[in-house]
PDB file of N, CA and C in Angstrom:
ATOM      1  N   MET A   1       5.915  23.992  28.706  1.00  0.00           N
ATOM      2  CA  MET A   1       6.221  22.935  28.001  1.00  0.00           C
ATOM      3  C   MET A   1       5.171  23.128  26.736  1.00  0.00           C
ATOM      4  N   GLY A   2       5.974  22.867  25.691  1.00  0.00           N
ATOM      5  CA  GLY A   2       4.893  23.463  24.465  1.00  0.00           C
ATOM      6  C   GLY A   2       4.329  21.919  24.297  1.00  0.00           C
ATOM      7  N   ARG A   3       3.027  22.302  22.924  1.00  0.00           N
ATOM      8  CA  ARG A   3       2.467  20.853  22.586  1.00  0.00           C
ATOM      9  C   ARG A   3       2.759  20.968  21.193  1.00  0.00           C
ATOM     10  N   GLY A   4       2.343  19.751  20.643  1.00  0.00           N
ATOM     11  CA  GLY A   4       2.974  19.272  19.514  1.00  0.00           C
ATOM     12  C   GLY A   4       4.171  18.426  19.152  1.00  0.00           C
ATOM     13  N   PHE A   5       4.731  18.355  20.346  1.00  0.00           N
ATOM     14  CA  PHE A   5       6.433  17.870  20.348  1.00  0.00           C
ATOM     15  C   PHE A   5       6.270  16.570  20.983  1.00  0.00           C
ATOM     16  N   GLU A   6       6.631  15.331  20.587  1.00  0.00           N
ATOM     17  CA  GLU A   6       6.791  14.062  20.791  1.00  0.00           C
ATOM     18  C   GLU A   6       7.914  13.780  22.030  1.00  0.00           C
ATOM     19  N   THR A   7       7.781  13.299  23.007  1.00  0.00           N
ATOM     20  CA  THR A   7       8.856  12.631  23.973  1.00  0.00           C
ATOM     21  C   THR A   7       9.340  11.389  23.345  1.00  0.00           C
ATOM     22  N   ALA A   8      10.388  11.048  23.943  1.00  0.00           N
ATOM     23  CA  ALA A   8      11.075   9.911  23.509  1.00  0.00           C
ATOM     24  C   ALA A   8      10.269   8.756  23.755  1.00  0.00           C
ATOM     25  N   GLU A   9       9.608   8.840  25.068  1.00  0.00           N
ATOM     26  CA  GLU A   9       8.839   7.833  25.331  1.00  0.00           C
ATOM     27  C   GLU A   9       7.384   7.452  25.000  1.00  0.00           C
ATOM     28  N   MET A  10       7.206   8.531  23.625  1.00  0.00           N
ATOM     29  CA  MET A  10       5.563   8.650  22.891  1.00  0.00           C
ATOM     30  C   MET A  10       6.156   8.006  21.565  1.00  0.00           C
ATOM     31  N   ALA A  11       7.391   8.459  20.942  1.00  0.00           N
ATOM     32  CA  ALA A  11       7.892   8.264  19.556  1.00  0.00           C
ATOM     33  C   ALA A  11       7.670   6.976  19.438  1.00  0.00           C
ATOM     34  N   GLN A  12       7.446   6.390  18.226  1.00  0.00           N
ATOM     35  CA  GLN A  12       6.960   5.035  17.731  1.00  0.00           C
ATOM     36  C   GLN A  12       8.325   4.531  16.801  1.00  0.00           C
ATOM     37  N   LYS A  13       9.183   3.224  17.358  1.00  0.00           N
ATOM     38  CA  LYS A  13      10.281   3.130  16.758  1.00  0.00           C
ATOM     39  C   LYS A  13       9.901   2.705  15.265  1.00  0.00           C
ATOM     40  N   PHE A  14      10.587   2.993  14.679  1.00  0.00           N
ATOM     41  CA  PHE A  14      10.456   2.706  13.025  1.00  0.00           C
ATOM     42  C   PHE A  14      11.535   2.269  12.466  1.00  0.00           C
ATOM     43  N   ASN A  15      11.782   1.013  11.777  1.00  0.00           N
ATOM     44  CA  ASN A  15      12.941   0.325  10.834  1.00  0.00           C
ATOM     45  C   ASN A  15      12.762   0.505   9.501  1.00  0.00           C
ATOM     46  N   ASP A  16      13.927   0.756   9.022  1.00  0.00           N
ATOM     47  CA  ASP A  16      13.845   0.998   7.764  1.00  0.00           C
ATOM     48  C   ASP A  16      13.926  -0.407   6.978  1.00  0.00           C
ATOM     49  N   ASP A  17      12.651  -1.028   7.206  1.00  0.00           N
ATOM     50  CA  ASP A  17      12.371  -2.562   6.767  1.00  0.00           C
ATOM     51  C   ASP A  17      12.897  -2.817   5.515  1.00  0.00           C
ATOM     52  N   TYR A  18      12.801  -2.188   4.510  1.00  0.00           N
ATOM     53  CA  TYR A  18      12.968  -2.397   3.058  1.00  0.00           C
ATOM     54  C   TYR A  18      12.711  -1.215   1.896  1.00  0.00           C
ATOM     55  N   THR A  19      13.507  -1.192   0.999  1.00  0.00           N
ATOM     56  CA  THR A  19      13.568  -0.624  -0.211  1.00  0.00           C
ATOM     57  C   THR A  19      13.016  -1.500  -1.220  1.00  0.00           C
ATOM     58  N   VAL A  20      12.186  -1.262  -2.283  1.00  0.00           N
ATOM     59  CA  VAL A  20      11.475  -1.663  -3.042  1.00  0.00           C
ATOM     60  C   VAL A  20      11.694  -1.269  -4.376  1.00  0.00           C
ATOM     61  N   LYS A  21      12.713  -1.861  -5.575  1.00  0.00           N
ATOM     62  CA  LYS A  21      12.711  -1.505  -6.590  1.00  0.00           C
ATOM     63  C   LYS A  21      11.421  -2.291  -7.336  1.00  0.00           C
ATOM     64  N   LEU A  22      10.449  -1.571  -8.022  1.00  0.00           N
ATOM     65  CA  LEU A  22       9.095  -2.006  -8.672  1.00  0.00           C
ATOM     66  C   LEU A  22       9.750  -2.999  -9.768  1.00  0.00           C
ATOM     67  N   ASN A  23       9.073  -4.341  -9.825  1.00  0.00           N
ATOM     68  CA  ASN A  23       9.121  -5.009 -10.904  1.00  0.00           C
ATOM     69  C   ASN A  23       7.919  -4.603 -11.969  1.00  0.00           C
ATOM     70  N   GLN A  24       7.475  -4.782 -13.050  1.00  0.00           N
ATOM     71  CA  GLN A  24       6.528  -5.001 -13.731  1.00  0.00           C
ATOM     72  C   GLN A  24       5.141  -4.982 -13.127  1.00  0.00           C
ATOM     73  N   LYS A  25       4.948  -6.245 -12.428  1.00  0.00           N
ATOM     74  CA  LYS A  25       3.893  -6.252 -11.882  1.00  0.00           C
ATOM     75  C   LYS A  25       3.445  -5.668 -10.622  1.00  0.00           C
ATOM     76  N   GLN A  26       4.423  -5.038  -9.961  1.00  0.00           N
ATOM     77  CA  GLN A  26       4.132  -4.350  -8.685  1.00  0.00           C
ATOM     78  C   GLN A  26       4.018  -2.598  -9.160  1.00  0.00           C
ATOM     79  N   ALA A  27       4.372  -2.189 -10.575  1.00  0.00           N
ATOM     80  CA  ALA A  27       4.383  -1.252 -11.107  1.00  0.00           C
ATOM     81  C   ALA A  27       2.717  -1.113 -11.503  1.00  0.00           C
ATOM     82  N   ASP A  28       2.097  -2.337 -12.141  1.00  0.00           N
ATOM     83  CA  ASP A  28       0.985  -2.062 -12.809  1.00  0.00           C
ATOM     84  C   ASP A  28      -0.249  -2.285 -12.005  1.00  0.00           C
ATOM     85  N   GLY A  29       0.538  -2.440 -10.263  1.00  0.00           N
ATOM     86  CA  GLY A  29      -0.730  -2.699  -9.412  1.00  0.00           C
ATOM     87  C   GLY A  29      -1.120  -4.283  -8.757  1.00  0.00           C
ATOM     88  N   THR A  30      -0.478  -5.243  -9.889  1.00  0.00           N
ATOM     89  CA  THR A  30      -1.052  -6.384  -9.682  1.00  0.00           C
ATOM     90  C   THR A  30      -0.419  -7.193  -8.693  1.00  0.00           C
ATOM     91  N   GLU A  31       0.732  -6.736  -8.478  1.00  0.00           N
ATOM     92  CA  GLU A  31       1.446  -7.602  -7.330  1.00  0.00           C
ATOM     93  C   GLU A  31       1.735  -7.107  -5.925  1.00  0.00           C
ATOM     94  N   SER A  32       1.826  -7.176  -4.690  1.00  0.00           N
ATOM     95  CA  SER A  32       2.076  -6.468  -3.657  1.00  0.00           C
ATOM     96  C   SER A  32       3.147  -6.008  -3.587  1.00  0.00           C
ATOM     97  N   VAL A  33       3.279  -4.747  -3.242  1.00  0.00           N
ATOM     98  CA  VAL A  33       4.561  -4.069  -2.624  1.00  0.00           C
ATOM     99  C   VAL A  33       4.786  -4.074  -1.734  1.00  0.00           C
ATOM    100  N   ILE A  34       3.965  -4.282  -0.426  1.00  0.00           N
ATOM    101  CA  ILE A  34       4.088  -4.697   1.264  1.00  0.00           C
ATOM    102  C   ILE A  34       3.399  -5.713   1.445  1.00  0.00           C
ATOM    103  N   PRO A  35       3.944  -6.745   1.665  1.00  0.00           N
ATOM    104  CA  PRO A  35       3.441  -7.984   2.301  1.00  0.00           C
ATOM    105  C   PRO A  35       2.612  -7.689   3.729  1.00  0.00           C
ATOM    106  N   GLU A  36       1.881  -8.662   3.451  1.00  0.00           N
ATOM    107  CA  GLU A  36       0.928  -8.838   4.766  1.00  0.00           C
ATOM    108  C   GLU A  36       1.567  -8.666   6.008  1.00  0.00           C
ATOM    109  N   GLY A  37       1.110  -7.990   7.269  1.00  0.00           N
ATOM    110  CA  GLY A  37       1.939  -7.654   8.394  1.00  0.00           C
ATOM    111  C   GLY A  37       0.995  -7.608   9.171  1.00  0.00           C
ATOM    112  N   SER A  38       0.813  -8.698  10.187  1.00  0.00           N
ATOM    113  CA  SER A  38      -0.329  -8.994  10.880  1.00  0.00           C
ATOM    114  C   SER A  38      -0.093  -8.182  12.293  1.00  0.00           C
ATOM    115  N   GLY A  39       1.322  -7.954  12.788  1.00  0.00           N
ATOM    116  CA  GLY A  39       2.064  -7.197  13.807  1.00  0.00           C
ATOM    117  C   GLY A  39       2.231  -5.933  13.454  1.00  0.00           C
ATOM    118  N   ARG A  40       1.629  -5.545  12.472  1.00  0.00           N
ATOM    119  CA  ARG A  40       1.704  -4.104  11.993  1.00  0.00           C
ATOM    120  C   ARG A  40       1.527  -3.042  13.052  1.00  0.00           C
ATOM    121  N   ASN A  41       1.788  -1.993  13.127  1.00  0.00           N
ATOM    122  CA  ASN A  41       1.032  -0.670  13.989  1.00  0.00           C
ATOM    123  C   ASN A  41       1.226   0.009  12.984  1.00  0.00           C
ATOM    124  N   SER A  42       2.259   0.516  12.368  1.00  0.00           N
ATOM    125  CA  SER A  42       2.122   1.638  11.778  1.00  0.00           C
ATOM    126  C   SER A  42       3.024   1.552  10.423  1.00  0.00           C
ATOM    127  N   LEU A  43       3.118   2.388   9.649  1.00  0.00           N
ATOM    128  CA  LEU A  43       3.295   2.021   7.927  1.00  0.00           C
ATOM    129  C   LEU A  43       4.148   3.534   7.786  1.00  0.00           C
ATOM    130  N   LYS A  44       5.283   3.811   7.247  1.00  0.00           N
ATOM    131  CA  LYS A  44       5.616   5.043   6.495  1.00  0.00           C
ATOM    132  C   LYS A  44       6.017   4.447   5.162  1.00  0.00           C
ATOM    133  N   ILE A  45       5.464   5.244   4.103  1.00  0.00           N
ATOM    134  CA  ILE A  45       5.805   4.887   2.592  1.00  0.00           C
ATOM    135  C   ILE A  45       6.116   5.990   1.895  1.00  0.00           C
ATOM    136  N   VAL A  46       7.270   5.890   1.457  1.00  0.00           N
ATOM    137  CA  VAL A  46       7.778   7.151   0.762  1.00  0.00           C
ATOM    138  C   VAL A  46       8.110   7.113  -0.941  1.00  0.00           C
ATOM    139  N   PRO A  47       7.216   7.224  -1.633  1.00  0.00           N
ATOM    140  CA  PRO A  47       7.159   7.027  -3.233  1.00  0.00           C
ATOM    141  C   PRO A  47       8.135   7.999  -3.810  1.00  0.00           C
ATOM    142  N   PRO A  48       8.804   7.460  -5.048  1.00  0.00           N
ATOM    143  CA  PRO A  48       9.248   8.889  -5.928  1.00  0.00           C
ATOM    144  C   PRO A  48       8.530   9.752  -6.758  1.00  0.00           C
ATOM    145  N   SER A  49       7.187   9.673  -6.881  1.00  0.00           N
ATOM    146  CA  SER A  49       6.419  10.363  -7.482  1.00  0.00           C
ATOM    147  C   SER A  49       4.711  10.267  -6.619  1.00  0.00           C
ATOM    148  N   LYS A  50       3.729  11.046  -7.282  1.00  0.00           N
ATOM    149  CA  LYS A  50       2.343  10.839  -6.540  1.00  0.00           C
ATOM    150  C   LYS A  50       1.620   9.451  -7.261  1.00  0.00           C
ATOM    151  N   CYS A  51       1.267   8.551  -6.298  1.00  0.00           N
ATOM    152  CA  CYS A  51       0.723   7.119  -6.516  1.00  0.00           C
ATOM    153  C   CYS A  51      -0.555   7.025  -5.681  1.00  0.00           C
ATOM    154  N   TYR A  52      -1.021   5.653  -5.953  1.00  0.00           N
ATOM    155  CA  TYR A  52      -2.138   5.435  -4.939  1.00  0.00           C
ATOM    156  C   TYR A  52      -1.889   4.095  -4.330  1.00  0.00           C
ATOM    157  N   LEU A  53      -2.327   4.011  -2.768  1.00  0.00           N
ATOM    158  CA  LEU A  53      -1.993   2.774  -2.273  1.00  0.00           C
ATOM    159  C   LEU A  53      -3.702   2.291  -2.320  1.00  0.00           C
ATOM    160  N   THR A  54      -3.474   1.004  -2.634  1.00  0.00           N
ATOM    161  CA  THR A  54      -4.454  -0.161  -2.698  1.00  0.00           C
ATOM    162  C   THR A  54      -4.690  -1.272  -1.951  1.00  0.00           C
ATOM    163  N   LEU A  55      -6.112  -1.635  -2.012  1.00  0.00           N
ATOM    164  CA  LEU A  55      -6.338  -2.993  -0.853  1.00  0.00           C
ATOM    165  C   LEU A  55      -6.199  -3.913  -1.733  1.00  0.00           C
ATOM    166  N   LYS A  56      -6.614  -3.820  -2.953  1.00  0.00           N
ATOM    167  CA  LYS A  56      -6.846  -5.070  -3.979  1.00  0.00           C
ATOM    168  C   LYS A  56      -5.859  -4.824  -5.221  1.00  0.00           C
ATOM    169  N   PRO A  57      -5.347  -6.335  -5.557  1.00  0.00           N
ATOM    170  CA  PRO A  57      -4.752  -6.191  -7.024  1.00  0.00           C
ATOM    171  C   PRO A  57      -5.453  -5.552  -8.294  1.00  0.00           C
ATOM    172  N   GLY A  58      -5.122  -4.652  -8.878  1.00  0.00           N
ATOM    173  CA  GLY A  58      -5.273  -4.141  -9.954  1.00  0.00           C
ATOM    174  C   GLY A  58      -6.546  -2.699  -9.846  1.00  0.00           C
ATOM    175  N   ASP A  59      -6.460  -2.511  -8.602  1.00  0.00           N
ATOM    176  CA  ASP A  59      -7.384  -1.407  -8.304  1.00  0.00           C
ATOM    177  C   ASP A  59      -6.822  -0.478  -8.744  1.00  0.00           C
ATOM    178  N   THR A  60      -7.191   0.838  -9.504  1.00  0.00           N
ATOM    179  CA  THR A  60      -6.817   1.864 -10.307  1.00  0.00           C
ATOM    180  C   THR A  60      -7.098   3.321  -9.164  1.00  0.00           C
ATOM    181  N   ALA A  61      -8.044   2.830  -8.036  1.00  0.00           N
ATOM    182  CA  ALA A  61      -8.385   3.873  -7.223  1.00  0.00           C
ATOM    183  C   ALA A  61      -7.823   3.627  -5.730  1.00  0.00           C
ATOM    184  N   GLY A  62      -7.348   4.839  -4.944  1.00  0.00           N
ATOM    185  CA  GLY A  62      -6.994   4.209  -3.787  1.00  0.00           C
ATOM    186  C   GLY A  62      -6.856   5.576  -2.730  1.00  0.00           C
ATOM    187  N   ILE A  63      -5.948   5.389  -1.853  1.00  0.00           N
ATOM    188  CA  ILE A  63      -5.378   6.599  -1.184  1.00  0.00           C
ATOM    189  C   ILE A  63      -4.261   7.061  -1.741  1.00  0.00           C
ATOM    190  N   PRO A  64      -4.211   8.301  -1.885  1.00  0.00           N
ATOM    191  CA  PRO A  64      -3.488   9.166  -2.634  1.00  0.00           C
ATOM    192  C   PRO A  64      -1.810   9.288  -1.662  1.00  0.00           C
ATOM    193  N   LEU A  65      -0.493   9.106  -2.328  1.00  0.00           N
ATOM    194  CA  LEU A  65       0.410   8.878  -1.293  1.00  0.00           C
ATOM    195  C   LEU A  65       1.143  10.306  -2.320  1.00  0.00           C
ATOM    196  N   PHE A  66       1.817  10.999  -1.644  1.00  0.00           N
ATOM    197  CA  PHE A  66       2.264  12.046  -2.242  1.00  0.00           C
ATOM    198  C   PHE A  66       3.877  12.086  -2.155  1.00  0.00           C
ATOM    199  N   ALA A  67       4.605  12.507  -3.246  1.00  0.00           N
ATOM    200  CA  ALA A  67       5.794  12.022  -3.804  1.00  0.00           C
ATOM    201  C   ALA A  67       7.327  12.551  -2.806  1.00  0.00           C
ATOM    202  N   GLY A  68       7.856  11.872  -2.549  1.00  0.00           N
ATOM    203  CA  GLY A  68       9.228  12.354  -1.599  1.00  0.00           C
ATOM    204  C   GLY A  68       9.118  12.435  -0.474  1.00  0.00           C
ATOM    205  N   VAL A  69       7.942  12.106   0.074  1.00  0.00           N
ATOM    206  CA  VAL A  69       7.711  12.441   1.687  1.00  0.00           C
ATOM    207  C   VAL A  69       6.921  11.242   2.437  1.00  0.00           C
ATOM    208  N   ALA A  70       6.964  11.145   3.682  1.00  0.00           N
ATOM    209  CA  ALA A  70       6.794   9.950   4.336  1.00  0.00           C
ATOM    210  C   ALA A  70       5.217   9.970   4.726  1.00  0.00           C
ATOM    211  N   ASN A  71       4.323   9.266   3.918  1.00  0.00           N
ATOM    212  CA  ASN A  71       3.228   8.937   3.927  1.00  0.00           C
ATOM    213  C   ASN A  71       2.743   8.022   5.253  1.00  0.00           C
ATOM    214  N   GLU A  72       2.183   8.291   6.293  1.00  0.00           N
ATOM    215  CA  GLU A  72       2.235   7.630   7.385  1.00  0.00           C
ATOM    216  C   GLU A  72       0.455   7.071   7.562  1.00  0.00           C
ATOM    217  N   PHE A  73       0.812   5.784   7.992  1.00  0.00           N
ATOM    218  CA  PHE A  73      -0.678   5.177   8.431  1.00  0.00           C
ATOM    219  C   PHE A  73      -0.378   4.675   9.582  1.00  0.00           C
ATOM    220  N   SER A  74      -1.327   4.233  10.760  1.00  0.00           N
ATOM    221  CA  SER A  74      -1.086   4.109  12.008  1.00  0.00           C
ATOM    222  C   SER A  74      -2.553   3.760  12.652  1.00  0.00           C
ATOM    223  N   GLY A  75      -2.684   2.963  13.586  1.00  0.00           N
ATOM    224  CA  GLY A  75      -3.854   2.508  14.274  1.00  0.00           C
ATOM    225  C   GLY A  75      -4.710   1.784  13.463  1.00  0.00           C
ATOM    226  N   VAL A  76      -6.008   2.102  13.090  1.00  0.00           N
ATOM    227  CA  VAL A  76      -7.112   1.844  12.493  1.00  0.00           C
ATOM    228  C   VAL A  76      -6.917   1.810  11.094  1.00  0.00           C
ATOM    229  N   GLN A  77      -5.782   2.974  10.690  1.00  0.00           N
ATOM    230  CA  GLN A  77      -5.699   3.235   9.302  1.00  0.00           C
ATOM    231  C   GLN A  77      -4.424   2.259   8.786  1.00  0.00           C
ATOM    232  N   CYS A  78      -3.972   1.479   9.455  1.00  0.00           N
ATOM    233  CA  CYS A  78      -2.909   0.683   9.312  1.00  0.00           C
ATOM    234  C   CYS A  78      -3.364  -0.742   8.974  1.00  0.00           C
ATOM    235  N   PRO A  79      -3.538  -0.757   7.474  1.00  0.00           N
ATOM    236  CA  PRO A  79      -4.211  -2.385   7.603  1.00  0.00           C
ATOM    237  C   PRO A  79      -3.028  -3.268   7.509  1.00  0.00           C
ATOM    238  N   SER A  80      -3.461  -4.880   7.800  1.00  0.00           N
ATOM    239  CA  SER A  80      -2.548  -5.734   7.731  1.00  0.00           C
ATOM    240  C   SER A  80      -2.431  -6.393   6.558  1.00  0.00           C
ATOM    241  N   ASN A  81      -3.275  -6.497   5.848  1.00  0.00           N
ATOM    242  CA  ASN A  81      -3.168  -7.371   4.692  1.00  0.00           C
ATOM    243  C   ASN A  81      -2.148  -6.833   3.679  1.00  0.00           C
ATOM    244  N   PRO A  82      -1.879  -7.794   2.240  1.00  0.00           N
ATOM    245  CA  PRO A  82      -1.052  -7.313   1.522  1.00  0.00           C
ATOM    246  C   PRO A  82      -1.326  -5.684   0.921  1.00  0.00           C
ATOM    247  N   LEU A  83      -0.549  -4.772   0.517  1.00  0.00           N
ATOM    248  CA  LEU A  83      -0.989  -3.459   0.056  1.00  0.00           C
ATOM    249  C   LEU A  83      -0.323  -3.233  -1.412  1.00  0.00           C
ATOM    250  N   PHE A  84      -0.942  -2.813  -2.475  1.00  0.00           N
ATOM    251  CA  PHE A  84      -0.572  -2.629  -3.505  1.00  0.00           C
ATOM    252  C   PHE A  84      -0.489  -1.026  -3.739  1.00  0.00           C
ATOM    253  N   ILE A  85       0.416  -0.833  -4.785  1.00  0.00           N
ATOM    254  CA  ILE A  85       0.645   0.739  -5.104  1.00  0.00           C
ATOM    255  C   ILE A  85       0.484   0.667  -6.881  1.00  0.00           C
ATOM    256  N   TYR A  86      -0.527   1.848  -7.209  1.00  0.00           N
ATOM    257  CA  TYR A  86      -0.653   2.154  -8.284  1.00  0.00           C
ATOM    258  C   TYR A  86      -0.454   3.272  -8.970  1.00  0.00           C
ATOM    259  N   GLY A  87       0.356   3.068 -10.300  1.00  0.00           N
ATOM    260  CA  GLY A  87       0.678   4.882 -10.621  1.00  0.00           C
ATOM    261  C   GLY A  87       2.200   4.984 -10.767  1.00  0.00           C
ATOM    262  N   LEU A  88       2.846   4.150 -10.447  1.00  0.00           N
ATOM    263  CA  LEU A  88       4.300   4.092 -10.367  1.00  0.00           C
ATOM    264  C   LEU A  88       4.736   3.323 -11.965  1.00  0.00           C
ATOM    265  N   ALA A  89       6.220   3.596 -12.128  1.00  0.00           N
ATOM    266  CA  ALA A  89       6.798   2.942 -13.293  1.00  0.00           C
ATOM    267  C   ALA A  89       7.287   1.717 -12.760  1.00  0.00           C
ATOM    268  N   LYS A  90       8.042   0.749 -13.661  1.00  0.00           N
ATOM    269  CA  LYS A  90       8.735  -0.327 -13.397  1.00  0.00           C
ATOM    270  C   LYS A  90      10.514   0.434 -12.954  1.00  0.00           C
ATOM    271  N   ASP A  91      10.936  -0.124 -11.977  1.00  0.00           N
ATOM    272  CA  ASP A  91      12.190   0.195 -11.543  1.00  0.00           C
ATOM    273  C   ASP A  91      12.140   1.346 -10.905  1.00  0.00           C
ATOM    274  N   ASP A  92      11.084   2.041 -10.501  1.00  0.00           N
ATOM    275  CA  ASP A  92      10.694   2.958  -9.329  1.00  0.00           C
ATOM    276  C   ASP A  92      11.018   2.400  -8.100  1.00  0.00           C
ATOM    277  N   VAL A  93      11.259   3.411  -7.097  1.00  0.00           N
ATOM    278  CA  VAL A  93      11.763   2.878  -5.832  1.00  0.00           C
ATOM    279  C   VAL A  93      11.322   3.315  -4.607  1.00  0.00           C
ATOM    280  N   VAL A  94      10.696   2.470  -3.919  1.00  0.00           N
ATOM    281  CA  VAL A  94       9.633   2.943  -2.824  1.00  0.00           C
ATOM    282  C   VAL A  94      10.368   2.489  -1.462  1.00  0.00           C
ATOM    283  N   VAL A  95      10.337   3.581  -0.622  1.00  0.00           N
ATOM    284  CA  VAL A  95      10.892   2.789   0.542  1.00  0.00           C
ATOM    285  C   VAL A  95       9.976   2.817   1.948  1.00  0.00           C
ATOM    286  N   VAL A  96       9.703   1.923   2.766  1.00  0.00           N
ATOM    287  CA  VAL A  96       8.883   1.433   3.486  1.00  0.00           C
ATOM    288  C   VAL A  96       9.438   1.283   4.806  1.00  0.00           C
ATOM    289  N   TRP A  97       8.705   1.940   5.600  1.00  0.00           N
ATOM    290  CA  TRP A  97       9.173   1.696   7.076  1.00  0.00           C
ATOM    291  C   TRP A  97       8.142   1.083   7.909  1.00  0.00           C
ATOM    292  N   SER A  98       8.288   0.365   8.971  1.00  0.00           N
ATOM    293  CA  SER A  98       7.000  -0.276   9.388  1.00  0.00           C
ATOM    294  C   SER A  98       7.126  -0.140  10.949  1.00  0.00           C
ATOM    295  N   ALA A  99       6.315  -0.400  11.804  1.00  0.00           N
ATOM    296  CA  ALA A  99       6.681  -0.140  13.415  1.00  0.00           C
ATOM    297  C   ALA A  99       5.810  -1.310  13.763  1.00  0.00           C
TER     298      ALA A  99
END
């Protein structure tokens, strides 16, 4: 048996919860893109271009998110508070999966 492969029992069930078309406040990083999620264990965020995930509105520095791929956060790296994204434009679309 090889290493590095998840079995079906180990795989986390992700739901395609929502697709967000950013309004101007979300694009500016002053309105949350991802709402509070106290029961959240994992997140996958797929932005259209490089941007930054922040914990506070108006922050211009944060965790880099890479374009076109699922940026995954789980366990202690997965905050339950509302999340903000800085560095995208109005009408950009962000896909978010949660588990």
